[in-house]
């Protein structure tokens, strides 16, 4: 993933690409993989960094959506549990099966959840991750030792998937590039090119690094910008009606001591009907999520005080060791690009989670909704739709069993570099031969070589790209990530040929953004 080479190739020419994808989050990345795997020529453009917005702020679950089962949306759940199974098969180095325990309150709960979750398993068929079952109160307390014994009668165990969202994105982009795609971060779309009949024939792109603008011709332009989809629709047809109803989800990161075992906890019904998860992740614990409708989307959303308070107080009611504000290592907010309902009413838990594809009069394809778990399927549906709209010969999907870059079975989760999969060996070699094997952070398991690797192979362009998304330092321990930012800037400056002024600005910018992650 060499940005300069890809940019040179893109600007050299008069080529018309089959697909120009606007947006480098989960949706756009899924489409890039699908289209390039079918042999189409693909350009993906992201105005900031890949997964900068929503797609790096997920709950880190690959799940069917137990709560959608309760709402009777069996089709959505079936699609998601199948996709969950495929994701775990195709990227075993950054995904895993995770056991969850639902603490129950009385016999009604026990029967309801045992029956419901057994049906959930059946929907997955051969791709099931394990059988759900009731366990006694004593067993529940043994497995989740910090749960408040007064709050429970027993427990129900079930299985879902877990993953690292930004790492999944980078590896999927690497797979797309290996299949011939051009993918660029820090390259914004400023306008759409149209022919005399008003059909879109390309885009005006702006390289945020050089400041240059240029045209790219394409047969199918795709709007995969998530919560920003309406901005592109306005560019296409000023006055277009809104398709997105954004909602904000907030997560807190706590030390592993708040959930010492291997099991995650699901609290299916909080005071206001939302679901709360406590999930082990990268040797820490993620607690979330809230779901709050918001008025305006932003690239770097900030957690609201009431959301933080809600998570801490709800967690405190269920745990014997109550988390305080001072225990929070990081707090992060992400926006969900939910497809807007056609009628009034804005309860986010009732707005559809399934994806929708719209064709504009200009030929623009817009995809909204969906979630990380189904990102491969969203890509498949979008490319199918483009083939139909253009009367192209249908090429069947090639991604169902496509191994994602870095594919490696049976990784050692205690190895701090496990998420590099098959790249780990090369990374360690690079670190050793270039004298970059010193530790930057013992607590986060980060070495200098990872910075060099991220610049050379993963298109990291600045300190935040590395600390927030190529590694997950910002989310795992915001203060510690700020501490190592100057060393990261120094190594990156060497690799990118930048001066001291660049380093100073990078560190200042990183501290400004990351201060929102500290309580």
Protein backbone atom coordinates (compact mmCIF):
# COMPACT_ATOMS: atom_id res chain seq x y z
CA UNK A 1 0.00 0.00 0.00
CA UNK A 2 2.25 2.74 -1.29
CA UNK A 3 0.34 6.03 -1.47
CA UNK A 4 2.77 7.80 -3.81
CA UNK A 5 2.76 4.97 -6.36
CA UNK A 6 -1.04 4.78 -6.33
CA UNK A 7 -1.45 8.54 -6.61
CA UNK A 8 1.01 8.64 -9.56
CA UNK A 9 -0.88 5.85 -11.31
CA UNK A 10 -4.21 7.60 -10.79
CA UNK A 11 -2.97 10.95 -12.07
CA UNK A 12 -1.03 9.58 -15.02
CA UNK A 13 -3.99 9.16 -16.90
CA UNK A 14 -6.85 8.87 -19.16
CA UNK A 15 -8.11 5.54 -17.77
CA UNK A 16 -11.81 5.17 -17.03
CA UNK A 17 -12.32 2.98 -13.96
CA UNK A 18 -15.24 0.62 -13.48
CA UNK A 19 -15.85 1.78 -9.89
CA UNK A 20 -15.02 4.98 -8.04
CA UNK A 21 -15.93 4.47 -4.39
CA UNK A 22 -16.28 7.54 -2.15
CA UNK A 23 -15.67 6.59 1.49
CA UNK A 24 -13.01 4.49 3.22
CA UNK A 25 -15.03 3.01 6.07
CA UNK A 26 -16.35 -0.54 6.40
CA UNK A 27 -18.91 -0.10 3.59
CA UNK A 28 -16.56 1.34 0.98
CA UNK A 29 -13.85 -1.17 1.86
CA UNK A 30 -16.26 -4.09 1.47
CA UNK A 31 -17.25 -2.81 -1.99
CA UNK A 32 -13.60 -2.32 -3.04
CA UNK A 33 -12.80 -5.92 -2.10
CA UNK A 34 -15.89 -7.32 -3.83
CA UNK A 35 -15.45 -5.34 -7.06
CA UNK A 36 -11.69 -5.96 -7.37
CA UNK A 37 -12.15 -9.67 -6.60
CA UNK A 38 -14.58 -9.87 -9.54
CA UNK A 39 -11.92 -8.29 -11.78
CA UNK A 40 -13.28 -4.75 -11.99
CA UNK A 41 -10.94 -1.74 -11.91
CA UNK A 42 -11.49 0.11 -8.65
CA UNK A 43 -10.55 3.44 -7.07
CA UNK A 44 -11.45 4.12 -3.43
CA UNK A 45 -11.11 7.66 -2.06
CA UNK A 46 -11.24 8.66 1.62
CA UNK A 47 -11.09 12.34 2.63
CA UNK A 48 -9.32 11.63 5.94
CA UNK A 49 -7.86 8.30 7.09
CA UNK A 50 -9.46 4.92 6.46
CA UNK A 51 -12.06 4.20 9.20
CA UNK A 52 -11.37 7.61 10.80
CA UNK A 53 -15.04 8.05 11.64
CA UNK A 54 -17.61 5.40 12.56
CA UNK A 55 -15.79 2.29 11.39
CA UNK A 56 -13.00 2.48 13.99
CA UNK A 57 -15.42 3.13 16.85
CA UNK A 58 -17.48 -0.08 16.82
CA UNK A 59 -18.20 -2.29 19.86
CA UNK A 60 -15.70 -4.73 18.25
CA UNK A 61 -18.40 -7.41 17.95
CA UNK A 62 -19.06 -9.55 14.90
CA UNK A 63 -22.62 -10.42 15.72
CA UNK A 64 -25.99 -11.43 14.37
CA UNK A 65 -27.81 -8.99 16.61
CA UNK A 66 -29.62 -10.86 19.36
CA UNK A 67 -31.93 -7.90 19.95
CA UNK A 68 -33.12 -7.86 16.32
CA UNK A 69 -34.33 -11.41 16.90
CA UNK A 70 -36.57 -10.04 19.65
CA UNK A 71 -37.89 -7.52 17.12
CA UNK A 72 -38.73 -10.40 14.76
CA UNK A 73 -36.20 -9.41 12.07
CA UNK A 74 -35.18 -12.98 11.32
CA UNK A 75 -33.88 -12.27 7.81
CA UNK A 76 -31.44 -9.63 9.08
CA UNK A 77 -30.19 -11.93 11.86
CA UNK A 78 -29.80 -14.91 9.52
CA UNK A 79 -27.74 -12.84 7.06
CA UNK A 80 -25.58 -11.48 9.88
CA UNK A 81 -24.83 -14.82 11.59
CA UNK A 82 -23.79 -16.31 8.23
CA UNK A 83 -21.53 -13.30 7.52
CA UNK A 84 -20.16 -13.55 11.07
CA UNK A 85 -19.10 -17.14 10.39
CA UNK A 86 -17.47 -16.20 7.07
CA UNK A 87 -15.54 -13.32 8.65
CA UNK A 88 -14.14 -15.59 11.36
CA UNK A 89 -13.09 -18.11 8.70
CA UNK A 90 -11.53 -15.54 6.36
CA UNK A 91 -9.58 -13.48 8.92
CA UNK A 92 -8.76 -15.72 11.90
CA UNK A 93 -5.84 -13.51 12.97
CA UNK A 94 -8.07 -10.53 13.82
CA UNK A 95 -11.32 -12.28 14.77
CA UNK A 96 -12.28 -14.81 17.40
CA UNK A 97 -15.24 -16.55 18.93
CA UNK A 98 -16.29 -14.90 22.20
CA UNK A 99 -18.44 -16.44 24.93
CA UNK A 100 -21.07 -14.13 26.43
CA UNK A 101 -23.06 -14.63 29.62
CA UNK A 102 -26.47 -13.04 30.12
CA UNK A 103 -27.18 -12.80 33.86
CA UNK A 104 -30.85 -13.78 34.31
CA UNK A 105 -33.46 -12.61 36.84
CA UNK A 106 -35.87 -15.46 37.54
CA UNK A 107 -37.30 -18.40 35.63
CA UNK A 108 -39.05 -16.36 32.92
CA UNK A 109 -35.73 -14.77 31.88
CA UNK A 110 -33.96 -18.13 31.92
CA UNK A 111 -36.51 -19.76 29.62
CA UNK A 112 -36.83 -16.72 27.34
CA UNK A 113 -33.09 -16.33 26.73
CA UNK A 114 -32.31 -20.04 26.51
CA UNK A 115 -35.02 -20.61 23.90
CA UNK A 116 -34.25 -17.38 21.99
CA UNK A 117 -30.51 -18.01 21.86
CA UNK A 118 -30.94 -21.63 20.85
CA UNK A 119 -32.90 -20.33 17.86
CA UNK A 120 -30.09 -17.77 17.27
CA UNK A 121 -27.59 -20.68 17.04
CA UNK A 122 -29.85 -22.63 14.67
CA UNK A 123 -30.01 -19.66 12.26
CA UNK A 124 -26.23 -19.87 11.81
CA UNK A 125 -26.43 -23.52 10.71
CA UNK A 126 -22.98 -24.94 9.96
CA UNK A 127 -21.42 -21.55 10.80
CA UNK A 128 -22.60 -21.64 14.44
CA UNK A 129 -19.88 -20.72 16.96
CA UNK A 130 -21.19 -22.91 19.79
CA UNK A 131 -24.38 -24.00 21.53
CA UNK A 132 -26.22 -21.70 23.93
CA UNK A 133 -27.17 -23.11 27.31
CA UNK A 134 -28.39 -22.18 30.79
CA UNK A 135 -25.83 -22.36 33.59
CA UNK A 136 -26.54 -22.32 37.34
CA UNK A 137 -26.07 -19.28 39.58
CA UNK A 138 -22.97 -20.87 41.16
CA UNK A 139 -21.39 -21.47 37.72
CA UNK A 140 -22.29 -17.95 36.59
CA UNK A 141 -20.61 -16.44 39.66
CA UNK A 142 -17.55 -18.61 39.11
CA UNK A 143 -17.20 -17.49 35.48
CA UNK A 144 -17.97 -13.80 36.04
CA UNK A 145 -16.64 -13.33 39.53
CA UNK A 146 -17.41 -9.62 39.86
CA UNK A 147 -21.13 -9.88 39.02
CA UNK A 148 -23.42 -8.80 41.86
CA UNK A 149 -24.93 -12.06 43.25
CA UNK A 150 -28.07 -10.23 44.42
CA UNK A 151 -28.88 -9.30 40.83
CA UNK A 152 -29.02 -12.78 39.29
CA UNK A 153 -30.80 -16.13 39.46
CA UNK A 154 -28.62 -17.96 36.89
CA UNK A 155 -26.99 -17.27 33.53
CA UNK A 156 -27.30 -18.12 29.85
CA UNK A 157 -24.11 -18.64 27.82
CA UNK A 158 -24.03 -17.91 24.10
CA UNK A 159 -21.33 -17.22 21.49
CA UNK A 160 -20.69 -14.35 19.13
CA UNK A 161 -17.66 -13.05 17.26
CA UNK A 162 -15.16 -10.37 18.15
CA UNK A 163 -12.66 -8.48 15.99
CA UNK A 164 -10.43 -5.44 15.61
CA UNK A 165 -12.30 -3.08 13.27
CA UNK A 166 -9.48 -0.83 11.99
CA UNK A 167 -7.12 -3.78 11.55
CA UNK A 168 -9.83 -5.59 9.57
CA UNK A 169 -10.09 -2.49 7.37
CA UNK A 170 -6.35 -2.22 6.70
CA UNK A 171 -6.01 -5.93 5.92
CA UNK A 172 -9.05 -5.86 3.62
CA UNK A 173 -7.63 -2.82 1.80
CA UNK A 174 -4.31 -4.67 1.40
CA UNK A 175 -6.24 -7.59 -0.11
CA UNK A 176 -8.02 -5.19 -2.50
CA UNK A 177 -4.69 -3.63 -3.56
CA UNK A 178 -3.29 -7.13 -4.20
CA UNK A 179 -6.31 -7.61 -6.49
CA UNK A 180 -5.49 -4.39 -8.38
CA UNK A 181 -7.49 -1.70 -6.56
CA UNK A 182 -6.19 1.83 -5.97
CA UNK A 183 -7.03 3.04 -2.46
CA UNK A 184 -6.15 6.51 -1.18
CA UNK A 185 -6.57 8.23 2.16
CA UNK A 186 -6.49 12.02 2.50
CA UNK A 187 -8.04 12.39 -0.94
CA UNK A 188 -11.43 14.14 -0.92
CA UNK A 189 -14.14 14.21 -3.57
CA UNK A 190 -15.06 17.85 -4.20
CA UNK A 191 -17.54 17.42 -7.02
CA UNK A 192 -19.13 15.00 -9.48
CA UNK A 193 -18.46 15.06 -13.24
CA UNK A 194 -21.54 14.72 -15.45
CA UNK A 195 -22.16 14.36 -19.17
CA UNK A 196 -24.69 16.40 -21.17
CA UNK A 197 -27.49 14.07 -20.07
CA UNK A 198 -26.73 14.58 -16.38
CA UNK A 199 -25.16 11.15 -15.91
CA UNK A 200 -22.17 10.90 -13.59
CA UNK A 201 -18.97 10.03 -15.46
CA UNK A 202 -16.41 10.66 -12.72
CA UNK A 203 -15.34 12.85 -9.83
CA UNK A 204 -13.23 15.89 -9.00
CA UNK A 205 -10.67 14.76 -6.44
CA UNK A 206 -8.50 16.82 -4.14
CA UNK A 207 -5.25 15.48 -2.72
CA UNK A 208 -5.24 16.84 0.84
CA UNK A 209 -1.45 16.40 1.07
CA UNK A 210 -0.24 18.16 -2.08
CA UNK A 211 -3.24 20.47 -2.40
CA UNK A 212 -3.72 19.46 -6.06
CA UNK A 213 -7.10 18.82 -7.65
CA UNK A 214 -7.67 16.47 -10.59
CA UNK A 215 -10.37 14.52 -12.40
CA UNK A 216 -10.95 10.77 -12.30
CA UNK A 217 -13.25 9.16 -14.84
CA UNK A 218 -15.44 6.24 -13.80
CA UNK A 219 -18.40 4.20 -15.05
CA UNK A 220 -19.99 3.74 -11.62
CA UNK A 221 -19.57 6.21 -8.78
CA UNK A 222 -20.57 4.88 -5.36
CA UNK A 223 -21.51 6.96 -2.33
CA UNK A 224 -20.37 4.86 0.64
CA UNK A 225 -19.73 7.69 3.06
CA UNK A 226 -21.81 6.43 6.00
CA UNK A 227 -23.06 9.27 8.18
CA UNK A 228 -21.92 11.74 5.50
CA UNK A 229 -23.94 10.14 2.67
CA UNK A 230 -26.32 13.10 2.51
CA UNK A 231 -23.42 15.48 1.70
CA UNK A 232 -22.65 13.53 -1.48
CA UNK A 233 -26.36 13.30 -2.36
CA UNK A 234 -26.56 17.11 -2.06
CA UNK A 235 -23.53 17.37 -4.38
CA UNK A 236 -25.43 15.21 -6.89
CA UNK A 237 -28.85 16.85 -6.52
CA UNK A 238 -29.10 19.93 -4.29
CA UNK A 239 -32.19 19.65 -2.10
CA UNK A 240 -32.20 15.82 -2.04
CA UNK A 241 -34.08 14.42 0.95
CA UNK A 242 -32.19 13.06 3.96
CA UNK A 243 -31.38 9.34 3.99
CA UNK A 244 -29.41 9.19 7.27
CA UNK A 245 -30.59 9.37 10.87
CA UNK A 246 -27.29 9.33 12.78
CA UNK A 247 -27.13 7.99 16.32
CA UNK A 248 -24.16 8.09 18.65
CA UNK A 249 -22.73 5.13 20.53
CA UNK A 250 -20.28 5.60 23.38
CA UNK A 251 -17.83 3.10 24.86
CA UNK A 252 -15.55 3.21 27.88
CA UNK A 253 -12.32 1.26 28.23
CA UNK A 254 -11.48 -0.15 31.67
CA UNK A 255 -8.64 -2.22 33.07
CA UNK A 256 -8.98 -6.01 32.72
CA UNK A 257 -9.46 -6.30 36.51
CA UNK A 258 -13.10 -5.23 36.06
CA UNK A 259 -13.81 -8.41 34.07
CA UNK A 260 -11.07 -10.88 35.03
CA UNK A 261 -12.32 -14.00 33.20
CA UNK A 262 -12.59 -14.80 29.50
CA UNK A 263 -16.36 -14.30 29.25
CA UNK A 264 -18.14 -11.16 28.12
CA UNK A 265 -21.35 -9.97 29.78
CA UNK A 266 -24.53 -8.89 28.00
CA UNK A 267 -27.13 -6.90 29.94
CA UNK A 268 -30.06 -7.18 27.51
CA UNK A 269 -32.40 -4.71 29.20
CA UNK A 270 -31.12 -1.57 30.88
CA UNK A 271 -33.43 1.05 32.40
CA UNK A 272 -34.34 2.50 29.02
CA UNK A 273 -34.37 -0.71 27.00
CA UNK A 274 -30.87 -0.46 25.52
CA UNK A 275 -28.31 -3.27 25.62
CA UNK A 276 -25.08 -2.97 27.60
CA UNK A 277 -22.00 -5.09 26.83
CA UNK A 278 -18.85 -5.67 28.89
CA UNK A 279 -16.35 -7.33 26.57
CA UNK A 280 -12.67 -8.29 26.99
CA UNK A 281 -10.58 -6.75 24.16
CA UNK A 282 -6.79 -6.43 23.74
CA UNK A 283 -6.32 -7.22 27.44
CA UNK A 284 -8.70 -4.43 28.49
CA UNK A 285 -12.50 -4.26 28.88
CA UNK A 286 -14.87 -2.37 26.58
CA UNK A 287 -18.11 -1.23 28.21
CA UNK A 288 -20.89 0.14 26.03
CA UNK A 289 -22.91 1.06 24.24
CA UNK A 290 -25.37 3.85 24.34
CA UNK A 291 -27.56 4.81 21.44
CA UNK A 292 -28.44 8.49 21.32
CA UNK A 293 -30.02 10.21 18.29
CA UNK A 294 -27.95 13.26 17.28
CA UNK A 295 -28.66 16.25 15.10
CA UNK A 296 -25.36 16.73 13.28
CA UNK A 297 -22.72 14.28 12.16
CA UNK A 298 -19.04 15.02 12.80
CA UNK A 299 -15.73 13.36 11.95
CA UNK A 300 -14.57 13.29 15.58
CA UNK A 301 -17.69 12.95 17.78
CA UNK A 302 -17.37 13.56 21.52
CA UNK A 303 -19.03 11.49 24.25
CA UNK A 304 -21.80 13.31 26.10
CA UNK A 305 -21.65 13.49 29.90
CA UNK A 306 -25.04 11.79 30.22
CA UNK A 307 -23.84 8.83 28.13
CA UNK A 308 -20.73 8.38 30.28
CA UNK A 309 -22.84 8.61 33.44
CA UNK A 310 -25.37 6.09 32.12
CA UNK A 311 -22.69 3.49 31.31
CA UNK A 312 -20.87 3.89 34.64
CA UNK A 313 -24.04 3.76 36.74
CA UNK A 314 -25.48 0.76 34.85
CA UNK A 315 -22.18 -1.14 35.10
CA UNK A 316 -21.96 -0.31 38.82
CA UNK A 317 -25.34 -1.88 39.48
CA UNK A 318 -24.21 -5.21 38.03
CA UNK A 319 -20.58 -5.35 39.23
CA UNK A 320 -19.32 -5.70 42.79
CA UNK A 321 -16.29 -3.58 41.83
CA UNK A 322 -17.96 -0.38 40.64
CA UNK A 323 -16.01 1.54 37.95
CA UNK A 324 -15.44 5.23 38.69
CA UNK A 325 -14.58 8.02 36.25
CA UNK A 326 -10.94 7.82 37.34
CA UNK A 327 -10.85 4.15 36.24
CA UNK A 328 -11.68 5.00 32.62
CA UNK A 329 -8.59 4.58 30.42
CA UNK A 330 -10.30 5.94 27.32
CA UNK A 331 -13.77 6.98 26.20
CA UNK A 332 -14.74 7.01 22.54
CA UNK A 333 -17.83 7.93 20.57
CA UNK A 334 -18.88 6.64 17.17
CA UNK A 335 -21.79 7.51 14.91
CA UNK A 336 -24.08 4.91 13.42
CA UNK A 337 -25.26 5.71 9.90
CA UNK A 338 -28.79 4.34 10.37
CA UNK A 339 -31.08 4.48 7.36
CA UNK A 340 -33.63 7.22 8.09
CA UNK A 341 -37.23 6.04 8.55
CA UNK A 342 -39.72 7.28 6.01
CA UNK A 343 -42.21 8.26 8.75
CA UNK A 344 -41.71 10.47 11.80
CA UNK A 345 -40.41 8.98 15.00
CA UNK A 346 -36.77 8.76 15.86
CA UNK A 347 -36.24 5.95 18.34
CA UNK A 348 -32.83 4.67 17.30
CA UNK A 349 -33.47 1.11 18.40
CA UNK A 350 -36.42 0.97 15.97
CA UNK A 351 -34.58 2.41 12.95
CA UNK A 352 -33.49 -0.25 10.49
CA UNK A 353 -30.00 -1.71 10.84
CA UNK A 354 -30.17 -3.42 7.47
CA UNK A 355 -28.49 -1.73 4.52
CA UNK A 356 -30.31 0.03 1.71
CA UNK A 357 -29.09 0.86 -1.80
CA UNK A 358 -30.48 3.82 -3.76
CA UNK A 359 -29.96 4.61 -7.46
CA UNK A 360 -30.11 8.34 -8.27
CA UNK A 361 -31.27 9.71 -11.64
CA UNK A 362 -27.62 10.54 -12.35
CA UNK A 363 -26.63 6.87 -11.92
CA UNK A 364 -25.00 7.48 -8.52
CA UNK A 365 -25.33 4.45 -6.23
CA UNK A 366 -25.70 5.26 -2.53
CA UNK A 367 -25.53 2.62 0.19
CA UNK A 368 -26.62 3.44 3.75
CA UNK A 369 -27.18 1.51 6.96
CA UNK A 370 -25.66 -1.88 7.65
CA UNK A 371 -22.88 -2.77 10.05
CA UNK A 372 -19.34 -4.18 10.13
CA UNK A 373 -20.54 -7.78 10.44
CA UNK A 374 -22.27 -7.63 7.06
CA UNK A 375 -19.70 -5.46 5.24
CA UNK A 376 -18.78 -8.24 2.79
CA UNK A 377 -22.43 -8.88 1.94
CA UNK A 378 -23.05 -5.15 1.48
CA UNK A 379 -20.22 -5.10 -1.07
CA UNK A 380 -21.73 -8.08 -2.87
CA UNK A 381 -25.20 -6.50 -3.04
CA UNK A 382 -23.82 -3.16 -4.27
CA UNK A 383 -21.72 -4.70 -7.07
CA UNK A 384 -24.68 -6.90 -8.10
CA UNK A 385 -26.82 -3.74 -8.32
CA UNK A 386 -24.19 -1.93 -10.45
CA UNK A 387 -24.01 -4.90 -12.84
CA UNK A 388 -27.79 -4.83 -13.19
CA UNK A 389 -28.00 -1.06 -13.69
CA UNK A 390 -25.31 -1.13 -16.41
CA UNK A 391 -26.44 -4.39 -18.05
CA UNK A 392 -22.98 -5.79 -17.36
CA UNK A 393 -22.54 -9.54 -17.44
CA UNK A 394 -23.13 -10.86 -13.92
CA UNK A 395 -19.97 -12.18 -12.29
CA UNK A 396 -20.71 -14.27 -9.18
CA UNK A 397 -19.18 -13.14 -5.87
CA UNK A 398 -15.60 -14.25 -5.18
CA UNK A 399 -15.29 -13.06 -1.58
CA UNK A 400 -17.25 -15.66 0.43
CA UNK A 401 -14.15 -17.71 1.11
CA UNK A 402 -11.46 -15.17 0.22
CA UNK A 403 -8.67 -15.20 2.80
CA UNK A 404 -7.95 -11.66 4.02
CA UNK A 405 -4.37 -10.31 3.96
CA UNK A 406 -2.49 -11.46 7.08
CA UNK A 407 -4.54 -14.69 7.28
CA UNK A 408 -3.06 -16.92 9.95
CA UNK A 409 -4.75 -19.61 12.00
CA UNK A 410 -4.26 -20.19 15.72
CA UNK A 411 -2.52 -16.93 16.59
CA UNK A 412 -1.23 -16.54 20.14
CA UNK A 413 -3.46 -13.88 21.70
CA UNK A 414 -0.85 -13.27 24.41
CA UNK A 415 1.63 -12.08 21.77
CA UNK A 416 1.20 -8.27 21.58
CA UNK A 417 1.82 -8.39 17.79
CA UNK A 418 -0.61 -11.26 17.06
CA UNK A 419 -2.97 -9.06 15.01
CA UNK A 420 -0.39 -8.72 12.22
CA UNK A 421 -1.01 -12.38 11.41
CA UNK A 422 1.32 -13.64 8.68
CA UNK A 423 2.97 -10.17 8.48
CA UNK A 424 4.40 -10.43 11.99
CA UNK A 425 7.53 -12.30 10.91
CA UNK A 426 8.40 -9.65 8.29
CA UNK A 427 7.68 -6.84 10.74
CA UNK A 428 10.04 -8.34 13.35
CA UNK A 429 12.71 -8.83 10.69
CA UNK A 430 12.40 -5.18 9.65
CA UNK A 431 12.60 -4.06 13.31
CA UNK A 432 15.67 -6.18 14.00
CA UNK A 433 17.68 -5.28 10.89
CA UNK A 434 16.98 -1.56 11.15
CA UNK A 435 17.47 -1.23 14.90
CA UNK A 436 13.80 -0.53 15.55
CA UNK A 437 13.10 -3.24 18.13
CA UNK A 438 13.05 -0.96 21.19
CA UNK A 439 9.80 -0.79 23.13
CA UNK A 440 7.75 2.40 22.93
CA UNK A 441 5.19 1.24 25.50
CA UNK A 442 5.50 -1.87 27.64
CA UNK A 443 1.91 -1.68 28.87
CA UNK A 444 0.53 -1.51 25.31
CA UNK A 445 3.16 -3.82 23.79
CA UNK A 446 4.25 -1.34 21.08
CA UNK A 447 7.72 -1.39 19.47
CA UNK A 448 9.38 1.17 17.19
CA UNK A 449 9.31 -1.17 14.19
CA UNK A 450 5.51 -1.01 14.10
CA UNK A 451 5.69 2.70 13.24
CA UNK A 452 8.03 2.05 10.30
CA UNK A 453 5.88 -0.88 9.16
CA UNK A 454 2.71 1.23 9.29
CA UNK A 455 4.27 3.97 7.14
CA UNK A 456 5.77 1.60 4.56
CA UNK A 457 3.01 -0.98 4.28
CA UNK A 458 -0.22 0.39 5.77
CA UNK A 459 -0.38 3.97 4.46
CA UNK A 460 -0.13 5.64 7.88
CA UNK A 461 0.46 9.32 7.12
CA UNK A 462 0.46 10.91 10.56
CA UNK A 463 0.76 10.18 14.27
CA UNK A 464 -2.98 9.75 14.79
CA UNK A 465 -3.23 7.19 11.96
CA UNK A 466 -0.66 5.07 13.79
CA UNK A 467 -1.79 5.49 17.40
CA UNK A 468 -5.54 5.40 16.77
CA UNK A 469 -5.98 2.97 13.88
CA UNK A 470 -2.84 1.02 12.78
CA UNK A 471 -2.48 0.20 16.46
CA UNK A 472 -5.26 0.86 18.98
CA UNK A 473 -3.27 2.82 21.60
CA UNK A 474 -5.63 5.81 21.60
CA UNK A 475 -8.63 3.64 22.45
CA UNK A 476 -6.84 1.33 24.87
CA UNK A 477 -5.10 3.95 27.01
CA UNK A 478 -5.41 7.54 25.83
CA UNK A 479 -2.90 9.02 28.31
CA UNK A 480 -0.24 6.43 27.54
CA UNK A 481 -0.75 7.05 23.79
CA UNK A 482 -0.08 10.78 24.33
CA UNK A 483 3.09 9.92 26.24
CA UNK A 484 4.56 8.02 23.29
CA UNK A 485 3.33 10.43 20.57
CA UNK A 486 6.62 12.42 20.35
CA UNK A 487 8.66 9.23 19.73
CA UNK A 488 6.14 8.08 17.10
CA UNK A 489 6.35 11.50 15.40
CA UNK A 490 10.15 11.33 15.33
CA UNK A 491 10.22 7.89 13.67
CA UNK A 492 7.49 8.86 11.18
CA UNK A 493 9.28 12.10 10.28
CA UNK A 494 12.37 10.10 9.34
CA UNK A 495 10.33 7.73 7.17
CA UNK A 496 8.27 10.46 5.49
CA UNK A 497 11.09 13.02 5.14
CA UNK A 498 9.43 15.59 7.41
CA UNK A 499 11.07 18.28 9.56
CA UNK A 500 10.98 19.21 13.25
CA UNK A 501 8.11 21.66 12.67
CA UNK A 502 5.98 18.81 11.27
CA UNK A 503 6.77 16.69 14.35
CA UNK A 504 5.80 19.46 16.78
CA UNK A 505 2.51 20.10 14.95
CA UNK A 506 1.71 16.39 14.76
CA UNK A 507 2.13 15.93 18.50
CA UNK A 508 0.06 19.05 19.25
CA UNK A 509 -2.73 17.90 16.89
CA UNK A 510 -2.72 14.43 18.42
CA UNK A 511 -2.94 15.76 21.99
CA UNK A 512 -5.85 18.03 20.99
CA UNK A 513 -7.87 15.17 19.46
CA UNK A 514 -7.00 12.63 22.16
CA UNK A 515 -7.86 14.93 25.07
CA UNK A 516 -11.51 14.14 24.17
CA UNK A 517 -10.78 10.49 24.99
CA UNK A 518 -9.71 11.28 28.57
CA UNK A 519 -12.21 11.82 31.38
